[in-house]
PDB file of N, CA and C in Angstrom:
ATOM      1  N   UNK A   1      28.573   4.853  47.769  1.00  0.00           N
ATOM      2  CA  UNK A   1      28.640   4.048  48.973  1.00  0.00           C
ATOM      3  C   UNK A   1      27.246   3.814  49.550  1.00  0.00           C
ATOM      4  N   UNK A   2      26.452   4.885  49.619  1.00  0.00           N
ATOM      5  CA  UNK A   2      25.108   4.760  50.192  1.00  0.00           C
ATOM      6  C   UNK A   2      24.244   3.814  49.365  1.00  0.00           C
ATOM      7  N   UNK A   3      24.373   3.910  48.025  1.00  0.00           N
ATOM      8  CA  UNK A   3      23.586   3.035  47.155  1.00  0.00           C
ATOM      9  C   UNK A   3      23.981   1.578  47.351  1.00  0.00           C
ATOM     10  N   UNK A   4      25.242   1.313  47.547  1.00  0.00           N
ATOM     11  CA  UNK A   4      25.718  -0.050  47.783  1.00  0.00           C
ATOM     12  C   UNK A   4      25.113  -0.612  49.058  1.00  0.00           C
ATOM     13  N   UNK A   5      25.051   0.207  50.121  1.00  0.00           N
ATOM     14  CA  UNK A   5      24.459  -0.248  51.378  1.00  0.00           C
ATOM     15  C   UNK A   5      22.970  -0.533  51.213  1.00  0.00           C
ATOM     16  N   UNK A   6      22.286   0.294  50.435  1.00  0.00           N
ATOM     17  CA  UNK A   6      20.860   0.088  50.206  1.00  0.00           C
ATOM     18  C   UNK A   6      20.617  -1.222  49.467  1.00  0.00           C
ATOM     19  N   UNK A   7      21.407  -1.501  48.452  1.00  0.00           N
ATOM     20  CA  UNK A   7      21.277  -2.739  47.690  1.00  0.00           C
ATOM     21  C   UNK A   7      21.582  -3.934  48.580  1.00  0.00           C
ATOM     22  N   UNK A   8      22.636  -3.834  49.387  1.00  0.00           N
ATOM     23  CA  UNK A   8      22.982  -4.931  50.289  1.00  0.00           C
ATOM     24  C   UNK A   8      21.897  -5.151  51.337  1.00  0.00           C
ATOM     25  N   UNK A   9      21.316  -4.068  51.846  1.00  0.00           N
ATOM     26  CA  UNK A   9      20.229  -4.191  52.823  1.00  0.00           C
ATOM     27  C   UNK A   9      19.015  -4.868  52.198  1.00  0.00           C
ATOM     28  N   UNK A  10      18.662  -4.480  50.995  1.00  0.00           N
ATOM     29  CA  UNK A  10      17.526  -5.077  50.297  1.00  0.00           C
ATOM     30  C   UNK A  10      17.779  -6.559  50.042  1.00  0.00           C
ATOM     31  N   UNK A  11      19.006  -6.898  49.662  1.00  0.00           N
ATOM     32  CA  UNK A  11      19.359  -8.295  49.420  1.00  0.00           C
ATOM     33  C   UNK A  11      19.266  -9.106  50.708  1.00  0.00           C
ATOM     34  N   UNK A  12      19.728  -8.553  51.810  1.00  0.00           N
ATOM     35  CA  UNK A  12      19.658  -9.245  53.101  1.00  0.00           C
ATOM     36  C   UNK A  12      18.209  -9.468  53.514  1.00  0.00           C
ATOM     37  N   UNK A  13      17.350  -8.471  53.315  1.00  0.00           N
ATOM     38  CA  UNK A  13      15.936  -8.619  53.666  1.00  0.00           C
ATOM     39  C   UNK A  13      15.259  -9.669  52.803  1.00  0.00           C
ATOM     40  N   UNK A  14      15.530  -9.645  51.503  1.00  0.00           N
ATOM     41  CA  UNK A  14      14.872 -10.618  50.621  1.00  0.00           C
ATOM     42  C   UNK A  14      15.322 -12.033  50.938  1.00  0.00           C
ATOM     43  N   UNK A  15      16.576 -12.207  51.317  1.00  0.00           N
ATOM     44  CA  UNK A  15      17.073 -13.526  51.699  1.00  0.00           C
ATOM     45  C   UNK A  15      16.402 -13.999  52.986  1.00  0.00           C
ATOM     46  N   UNK A  16      16.230 -13.086  53.934  1.00  0.00           N
ATOM     47  CA  UNK A  16      15.587 -13.427  55.200  1.00  0.00           C
ATOM     48  C   UNK A  16      14.142 -13.851  54.975  1.00  0.00           C
ATOM     49  N   UNK A  17      13.395 -13.096  54.171  1.00  0.00           N
ATOM     50  CA  UNK A  17      11.988 -13.426  53.932  1.00  0.00           C
ATOM     51  C   UNK A  17      11.825 -14.664  53.058  1.00  0.00           C
ATOM     52  N   UNK A  18      12.739 -14.871  52.139  1.00  0.00           N
ATOM     53  CA  UNK A  18      12.638 -16.030  51.257  1.00  0.00           C
ATOM     54  C   UNK A  18      12.854 -17.331  52.022  1.00  0.00           C
ATOM     55  N   UNK A  19      13.658 -17.282  53.086  1.00  0.00           N
ATOM     56  CA  UNK A  19      13.934 -18.510  53.825  1.00  0.00           C
ATOM     57  C   UNK A  19      12.941 -18.745  54.959  1.00  0.00           C
ATOM     58  N   UNK A  20      12.050 -17.794  55.206  1.00  0.00           N
ATOM     59  CA  UNK A  20      11.071 -17.947  56.288  1.00  0.00           C
ATOM     60  C   UNK A  20      10.033 -18.992  55.895  1.00  0.00           C
ATOM     61  N   UNK A  21       9.735 -19.902  56.803  1.00  0.00           N
ATOM     62  CA  UNK A  21       8.729 -20.934  56.569  1.00  0.00           C
ATOM     63  C   UNK A  21       7.441 -20.544  57.285  1.00  0.00           C
ATOM     64  N   UNK A  22       6.303 -20.681  56.629  1.00  0.00           N
ATOM     65  CA  UNK A  22       5.047 -20.363  57.311  1.00  0.00           C
ATOM     66  C   UNK A  22       4.777 -21.364  58.432  1.00  0.00           C
ATOM     67  N   UNK A  23       4.125 -20.897  59.469  1.00  0.00           N
ATOM     68  CA  UNK A  23       3.772 -21.757  60.599  1.00  0.00           C
ATOM     69  C   UNK A  23       2.403 -22.370  60.317  1.00  0.00           C
ATOM     70  N   UNK A  24       2.410 -23.583  59.768  1.00  0.00           N
ATOM     71  CA  UNK A  24       1.174 -24.264  59.392  1.00  0.00           C
ATOM     72  C   UNK A  24       0.809 -25.249  60.495  1.00  0.00           C
ATOM     73  N   UNK A  25      -0.387 -25.105  61.068  1.00  0.00           N
ATOM     74  CA  UNK A  25      -0.771 -26.015  62.148  1.00  0.00           C
ATOM     75  C   UNK A  25      -1.032 -27.420  61.624  1.00  0.00           C
ATOM     76  N   UNK A  26      -0.855 -28.394  62.489  1.00  0.00           N
ATOM     77  CA  UNK A  26      -1.157 -29.781  62.144  1.00  0.00           C
ATOM     78  C   UNK A  26      -2.675 -29.942  62.117  1.00  0.00           C
ATOM     79  N   UNK A  27      -3.213 -30.318  60.981  1.00  0.00           N
ATOM     80  CA  UNK A  27      -4.660 -30.446  60.833  1.00  0.00           C
ATOM     81  C   UNK A  27      -5.170 -31.840  61.183  1.00  0.00           C
ATOM     82  N   UNK A  28      -4.276 -32.751  61.450  1.00  0.00           N
ATOM     83  CA  UNK A  28      -4.698 -34.115  61.769  1.00  0.00           C
ATOM     84  C   UNK A  28      -4.830 -34.948  60.507  1.00  0.00           C
ATOM     85  N   UNK A  29      -5.522 -36.047  60.637  1.00  0.00           N
ATOM     86  CA  UNK A  29      -5.714 -36.981  59.533  1.00  0.00           C
ATOM     87  C   UNK A  29      -6.996 -36.680  58.765  1.00  0.00           C
ATOM     88  N   UNK A  30      -6.978 -36.989  57.490  1.00  0.00           N
ATOM     89  CA  UNK A  30      -8.165 -36.857  56.656  1.00  0.00           C
ATOM     90  C   UNK A  30      -9.176 -37.931  57.073  1.00  0.00           C
ATOM     91  N   UNK A  31     -10.386 -37.521  57.385  1.00  0.00           N
ATOM     92  CA  UNK A  31     -11.440 -38.453  57.806  1.00  0.00           C
ATOM     93  C   UNK A  31     -12.380 -38.708  56.627  1.00  0.00           C
ATOM     94  N   UNK A  32     -11.976 -39.634  55.751  1.00  0.00           N
ATOM     95  CA  UNK A  32     -12.768 -39.909  54.548  1.00  0.00           C
ATOM     96  C   UNK A  32     -14.128 -40.504  54.883  1.00  0.00           C
ATOM     97  N   UNK A  33     -14.268 -41.158  56.019  1.00  0.00           N
ATOM     98  CA  UNK A  33     -15.568 -41.710  56.405  1.00  0.00           C
ATOM     99  C   UNK A  33     -16.601 -40.600  56.549  1.00  0.00           C
ATOM    100  N   UNK A  34     -16.169 -39.444  57.006  1.00  0.00           N
ATOM    101  CA  UNK A  34     -17.063 -38.289  57.151  1.00  0.00           C
ATOM    102  C   UNK A  34     -17.063 -37.457  55.876  1.00  0.00           C
ATOM    103  N   UNK A  35     -15.892 -37.261  55.286  1.00  0.00           N
ATOM    104  CA  UNK A  35     -15.744 -36.342  54.158  1.00  0.00           C
ATOM    105  C   UNK A  35     -16.373 -36.852  52.857  1.00  0.00           C
ATOM    106  N   UNK A  36     -16.198 -38.128  52.557  1.00  0.00           N
ATOM    107  CA  UNK A  36     -16.665 -38.701  51.287  1.00  0.00           C
ATOM    108  C   UNK A  36     -18.133 -39.092  51.410  1.00  0.00           C
ATOM    109  N   UNK A  37     -19.008 -38.121  51.236  1.00  0.00           N
ATOM    110  CA  UNK A  37     -20.446 -38.303  51.469  1.00  0.00           C
ATOM    111  C   UNK A  37     -21.094 -39.297  50.507  1.00  0.00           C
ATOM    112  N   UNK A  38     -20.625 -39.370  49.275  1.00  0.00           N
ATOM    113  CA  UNK A  38     -21.247 -40.274  48.313  1.00  0.00           C
ATOM    114  C   UNK A  38     -20.481 -41.597  48.166  1.00  0.00           C
ATOM    115  N   UNK A  39     -19.481 -41.810  49.018  1.00  0.00           N
ATOM    116  CA  UNK A  39     -18.730 -43.074  49.101  1.00  0.00           C
ATOM    117  C   UNK A  39     -18.146 -43.547  47.775  1.00  0.00           C
ATOM    118  N   UNK A  40     -17.649 -42.594  46.973  1.00  0.00           N
ATOM    119  CA  UNK A  40     -17.012 -42.985  45.716  1.00  0.00           C
ATOM    120  C   UNK A  40     -15.494 -43.038  45.829  1.00  0.00           C
ATOM    121  N   UNK A  41     -14.971 -42.820  47.036  1.00  0.00           N
ATOM    122  CA  UNK A  41     -13.533 -42.894  47.262  1.00  0.00           C
ATOM    123  C   UNK A  41     -12.767 -41.636  46.933  1.00  0.00           C
ATOM    124  N   UNK A  42     -13.484 -40.593  46.509  1.00  0.00           N
ATOM    125  CA  UNK A  42     -12.856 -39.325  46.138  1.00  0.00           C
ATOM    126  C   UNK A  42     -13.574 -38.194  46.851  1.00  0.00           C
ATOM    127  N   UNK A  43     -12.795 -37.290  47.435  1.00  0.00           N
ATOM    128  CA  UNK A  43     -13.392 -36.108  48.044  1.00  0.00           C
ATOM    129  C   UNK A  43     -13.427 -35.013  46.989  1.00  0.00           C
ATOM    130  N   UNK A  44     -14.633 -34.584  46.638  1.00  0.00           N
ATOM    131  CA  UNK A  44     -14.774 -33.540  45.630  1.00  0.00           C
ATOM    132  C   UNK A  44     -15.954 -32.636  45.994  1.00  0.00           C
ATOM    133  N   UNK A  45     -16.251 -31.705  45.114  1.00  0.00           N
ATOM    134  CA  UNK A  45     -17.326 -30.744  45.403  1.00  0.00           C
ATOM    135  C   UNK A  45     -18.674 -31.435  45.560  1.00  0.00           C
ATOM    136  N   UNK A  46     -18.866 -32.563  44.906  1.00  0.00           N
ATOM    137  CA  UNK A  46     -20.114 -33.310  45.069  1.00  0.00           C
ATOM    138  C   UNK A  46     -20.354 -33.699  46.518  1.00  0.00           C
ATOM    139  N   UNK A  47     -19.292 -34.080  47.220  1.00  0.00           N
ATOM    140  CA  UNK A  47     -19.414 -34.443  48.637  1.00  0.00           C
ATOM    141  C   UNK A  47     -19.790 -33.231  49.484  1.00  0.00           C
ATOM    142  N   UNK A  48     -19.203 -32.110  49.171  1.00  0.00           N
ATOM    143  CA  UNK A  48     -19.504 -30.881  49.914  1.00  0.00           C
ATOM    144  C   UNK A  48     -20.956 -30.474  49.686  1.00  0.00           C
ATOM    145  N   UNK A  49     -21.396 -30.539  48.424  1.00  0.00           N
ATOM    146  CA  UNK A  49     -22.794 -30.197  48.126  1.00  0.00           C
ATOM    147  C   UNK A  49     -23.762 -31.192  48.757  1.00  0.00           C
ATOM    148  N   UNK A  50     -23.369 -32.467  48.807  1.00  0.00           N
ATOM    149  CA  UNK A  50     -24.216 -33.463  49.476  1.00  0.00           C
ATOM    150  C   UNK A  50     -24.385 -33.127  50.959  1.00  0.00           C
ATOM    151  N   UNK A  51     -23.280 -32.702  51.592  1.00  0.00           N
ATOM    152  CA  UNK A  51     -23.383 -32.307  52.998  1.00  0.00           C
ATOM    153  C   UNK A  51     -24.286 -31.086  53.151  1.00  0.00           C
ATOM    154  N   UNK A  52     -24.106 -30.092  52.289  1.00  0.00           N
ATOM    155  CA  UNK A  52     -24.930 -28.868  52.364  1.00  0.00           C
ATOM    156  C   UNK A  52     -26.404 -29.205  52.185  1.00  0.00           C
ATOM    157  N   UNK A  53     -26.713 -30.066  51.206  1.00  0.00           N
ATOM    158  CA  UNK A  53     -28.105 -30.473  50.983  1.00  0.00           C
ATOM    159  C   UNK A  53     -28.679 -31.172  52.218  1.00  0.00           C
ATOM    160  N   UNK A  54     -27.909 -32.080  52.805  1.00  0.00           N
ATOM    161  CA  UNK A  54     -28.372 -32.788  54.002  1.00  0.00           C
ATOM    162  C   UNK A  54     -28.550 -31.818  55.167  1.00  0.00           C
ATOM    163  N   UNK A  55     -27.644 -30.851  55.270  1.00  0.00           N
ATOM    164  CA  UNK A  55     -27.737 -29.865  56.352  1.00  0.00           C
ATOM    165  C   UNK A  55     -28.996 -29.012  56.202  1.00  0.00           C
ATOM    166  N   UNK A  56     -29.244 -28.525  55.000  1.00  0.00           N
ATOM    167  CA  UNK A  56     -30.423 -27.687  54.758  1.00  0.00           C
ATOM    168  C   UNK A  56     -31.705 -28.476  55.018  1.00  0.00           C
ATOM    169  N   UNK A  57     -31.714 -29.747  54.637  1.00  0.00           N
ATOM    170  CA  UNK A  57     -32.891 -30.593  54.854  1.00  0.00           C
ATOM    171  C   UNK A  57     -33.005 -31.065  56.302  1.00  0.00           C
ATOM    172  N   UNK A  58     -32.017 -30.711  57.120  1.00  0.00           N
ATOM    173  CA  UNK A  58     -31.975 -31.150  58.521  1.00  0.00           C
ATOM    174  C   UNK A  58     -31.966 -32.670  58.627  1.00  0.00           C
ATOM    175  N   UNK A  59     -31.317 -33.314  57.658  1.00  0.00           N
ATOM    176  CA  UNK A  59     -31.185 -34.766  57.654  1.00  0.00           C
ATOM    177  C   UNK A  59     -30.200 -35.189  58.743  1.00  0.00           C
ATOM    178  N   UNK A  60     -30.503 -36.280  59.417  1.00  0.00           N
ATOM    179  CA  UNK A  60     -29.639 -36.720  60.522  1.00  0.00           C
ATOM    180  C   UNK A  60     -28.232 -37.086  60.067  1.00  0.00           C
ATOM    181  N   UNK A  61     -28.049 -37.350  58.763  1.00  0.00           N
ATOM    182  CA  UNK A  61     -26.702 -37.655  58.264  1.00  0.00           C
ATOM    183  C   UNK A  61     -25.784 -36.422  58.312  1.00  0.00           C
ATOM    184  N   UNK A  62     -26.367 -35.248  58.476  1.00  0.00           N
ATOM    185  CA  UNK A  62     -25.578 -34.016  58.592  1.00  0.00           C
ATOM    186  C   UNK A  62     -25.168 -33.732  60.033  1.00  0.00           C
ATOM    187  N   UNK A  63     -25.560 -34.594  60.960  1.00  0.00           N
ATOM    188  CA  UNK A  63     -25.168 -34.427  62.360  1.00  0.00           C
ATOM    189  C   UNK A  63     -23.761 -34.990  62.550  1.00  0.00           C
ATOM    190  N   UNK A  64     -22.782 -34.240  62.104  1.00  0.00           N
ATOM    191  CA  UNK A  64     -21.388 -34.689  62.088  1.00  0.00           C
ATOM    192  C   UNK A  64     -20.813 -34.806  63.497  1.00  0.00           C
ATOM    193  N   UNK A  65     -21.184 -33.888  64.375  1.00  0.00           N
ATOM    194  CA  UNK A  65     -20.606 -33.921  65.728  1.00  0.00           C
ATOM    195  C   UNK A  65     -21.338 -34.880  66.669  1.00  0.00           C
ATOM    196  N   UNK A  66     -22.420 -35.490  66.195  1.00  0.00           N
ATOM    197  CA  UNK A  66     -23.100 -36.533  66.949  1.00  0.00           C
ATOM    198  C   UNK A  66     -23.843 -36.084  68.189  1.00  0.00           C
ATOM    199  N   UNK A  67     -24.283 -34.815  68.215  1.00  0.00           N
ATOM    200  CA  UNK A  67     -25.004 -34.333  69.400  1.00  0.00           C
ATOM    201  C   UNK A  67     -26.515 -34.487  69.283  1.00  0.00           C
ATOM    202  N   UNK A  68     -26.971 -35.103  68.190  1.00  0.00           N
ATOM    203  CA  UNK A  68     -28.393 -35.338  68.007  1.00  0.00           C
ATOM    204  C   UNK A  68     -29.146 -34.188  67.368  1.00  0.00           C
ATOM    205  N   UNK A  69     -28.449 -33.104  67.047  1.00  0.00           N
ATOM    206  CA  UNK A  69     -29.072 -31.941  66.400  1.00  0.00           C
ATOM    207  C   UNK A  69     -28.243 -31.531  65.194  1.00  0.00           C
ATOM    208  N   UNK A  70     -28.914 -31.083  64.144  1.00  0.00           N
ATOM    209  CA  UNK A  70     -28.227 -30.563  62.971  1.00  0.00           C
ATOM    210  C   UNK A  70     -28.185 -29.047  63.112  1.00  0.00           C
ATOM    211  N   UNK A  71     -26.974 -28.535  63.349  1.00  0.00           N
ATOM    212  CA  UNK A  71     -26.820 -27.102  63.587  1.00  0.00           C
ATOM    213  C   UNK A  71     -25.443 -26.638  63.117  1.00  0.00           C
ATOM    214  N   UNK A  72     -25.132 -25.367  63.354  1.00  0.00           N
ATOM    215  CA  UNK A  72     -23.900 -24.769  62.855  1.00  0.00           C
ATOM    216  C   UNK A  72     -22.655 -25.550  63.273  1.00  0.00           C
ATOM    217  N   UNK A  73     -22.659 -26.127  64.456  1.00  0.00           N
ATOM    218  CA  UNK A  73     -21.489 -26.880  64.918  1.00  0.00           C
ATOM    219  C   UNK A  73     -21.176 -28.063  63.998  1.00  0.00           C
ATOM    220  N   UNK A  74     -22.169 -28.560  63.280  1.00  0.00           N
ATOM    221  CA  UNK A  74     -21.935 -29.643  62.326  1.00  0.00           C
ATOM    222  C   UNK A  74     -21.189 -29.150  61.095  1.00  0.00           C
ATOM    223  N   UNK A  75     -21.441 -27.922  60.705  1.00  0.00           N
ATOM    224  CA  UNK A  75     -20.677 -27.333  59.590  1.00  0.00           C
ATOM    225  C   UNK A  75     -19.209 -27.240  59.988  1.00  0.00           C
ATOM    226  N   UNK A  76     -18.961 -26.751  61.202  1.00  0.00           N
ATOM    227  CA  UNK A  76     -17.581 -26.644  61.690  1.00  0.00           C
ATOM    228  C   UNK A  76     -16.939 -28.028  61.758  1.00  0.00           C
ATOM    229  N   UNK A  77     -17.662 -29.014  62.253  1.00  0.00           N
ATOM    230  CA  UNK A  77     -17.133 -30.383  62.345  1.00  0.00           C
ATOM    231  C   UNK A  77     -16.828 -30.948  60.955  1.00  0.00           C
ATOM    232  N   UNK A  78     -17.689 -30.663  59.977  1.00  0.00           N
ATOM    233  CA  UNK A  78     -17.444 -31.153  58.612  1.00  0.00           C
ATOM    234  C   UNK A  78     -16.210 -30.489  58.010  1.00  0.00           C
ATOM    235  N   UNK A  79     -16.079 -29.198  58.204  1.00  0.00           N
ATOM    236  CA  UNK A  79     -14.901 -28.477  57.697  1.00  0.00           C
ATOM    237  C   UNK A  79     -13.635 -29.045  58.332  1.00  0.00           C
ATOM    238  N   UNK A  80     -13.669 -29.299  59.634  1.00  0.00           N
ATOM    239  CA  UNK A  80     -12.504 -29.891  60.306  1.00  0.00           C
ATOM    240  C   UNK A  80     -12.206 -31.281  59.781  1.00  0.00           C
ATOM    241  N   UNK A  81     -13.207 -32.013  59.364  1.00  0.00           N
ATOM    242  CA  UNK A  81     -12.993 -33.357  58.821  1.00  0.00           C
ATOM    243  C   UNK A  81     -12.392 -33.323  57.432  1.00  0.00           C
ATOM    244  N   UNK A  82     -12.761 -32.335  56.610  1.00  0.00           N
ATOM    245  CA  UNK A  82     -12.291 -32.325  55.221  1.00  0.00           C
ATOM    246  C   UNK A  82     -11.009 -31.532  55.008  1.00  0.00           C
ATOM    247  N   UNK A  83     -10.685 -30.575  55.865  1.00  0.00           N
ATOM    248  CA  UNK A  83      -9.486 -29.760  55.649  1.00  0.00           C
ATOM    249  C   UNK A  83      -8.212 -30.586  55.503  1.00  0.00           C
ATOM    250  N   UNK A  84      -7.959 -31.567  56.361  1.00  0.00           N
ATOM    251  CA  UNK A  84      -6.726 -32.348  56.181  1.00  0.00           C
ATOM    252  C   UNK A  84      -6.688 -33.103  54.854  1.00  0.00           C
ATOM    253  N   UNK A  85      -7.840 -33.401  54.285  1.00  0.00           N
ATOM    254  CA  UNK A  85      -7.887 -34.106  53.005  1.00  0.00           C
ATOM    255  C   UNK A  85      -7.331 -33.231  51.878  1.00  0.00           C
ATOM    256  N   UNK A  86      -7.551 -31.936  51.976  1.00  0.00           N
ATOM    257  CA  UNK A  86      -7.057 -31.009  50.957  1.00  0.00           C
ATOM    258  C   UNK A  86      -5.646 -30.547  51.240  1.00  0.00           C
ATOM    259  N   UNK A  87      -5.241 -30.554  52.490  1.00  0.00           N
ATOM    260  CA  UNK A  87      -3.915 -30.056  52.871  1.00  0.00           C
ATOM    261  C   UNK A  87      -2.802 -31.055  52.579  1.00  0.00           C
ATOM    262  N   UNK A  88      -3.152 -32.322  52.498  1.00  0.00           N
ATOM    263  CA  UNK A  88      -2.145 -33.371  52.336  1.00  0.00           C
ATOM    264  C   UNK A  88      -1.578 -33.406  50.986  1.00  0.00           C
TER     265      UNK A  88
END
C-alpha cells in the first residue's frame, strides 16, 4: 500500500511539473536596424563582433542609446536590441 502511494505521489508531481509553463517576459520586437550591423539582412555573430569592434574603438556607431558617449550602457542597449531577434 505504501509503495502504491509513493508511486502515485511521484506521478502526480511529475504531471504537475510537466504542465508548468515558464514565465518568459515579453522582449519586444527585434530591432534589425540596430542589430544587423553589416546590413546583410541576417543577424549573426559577425554583427555582434562588428558591434564589439566599434565599441572597443569608441566609434560613434556603437553609441546605441544615443547619449553621445560610447560606454557600458550601449552594450546593454545592443543586447536589448538583439535579444528579441533570437527569441522569436
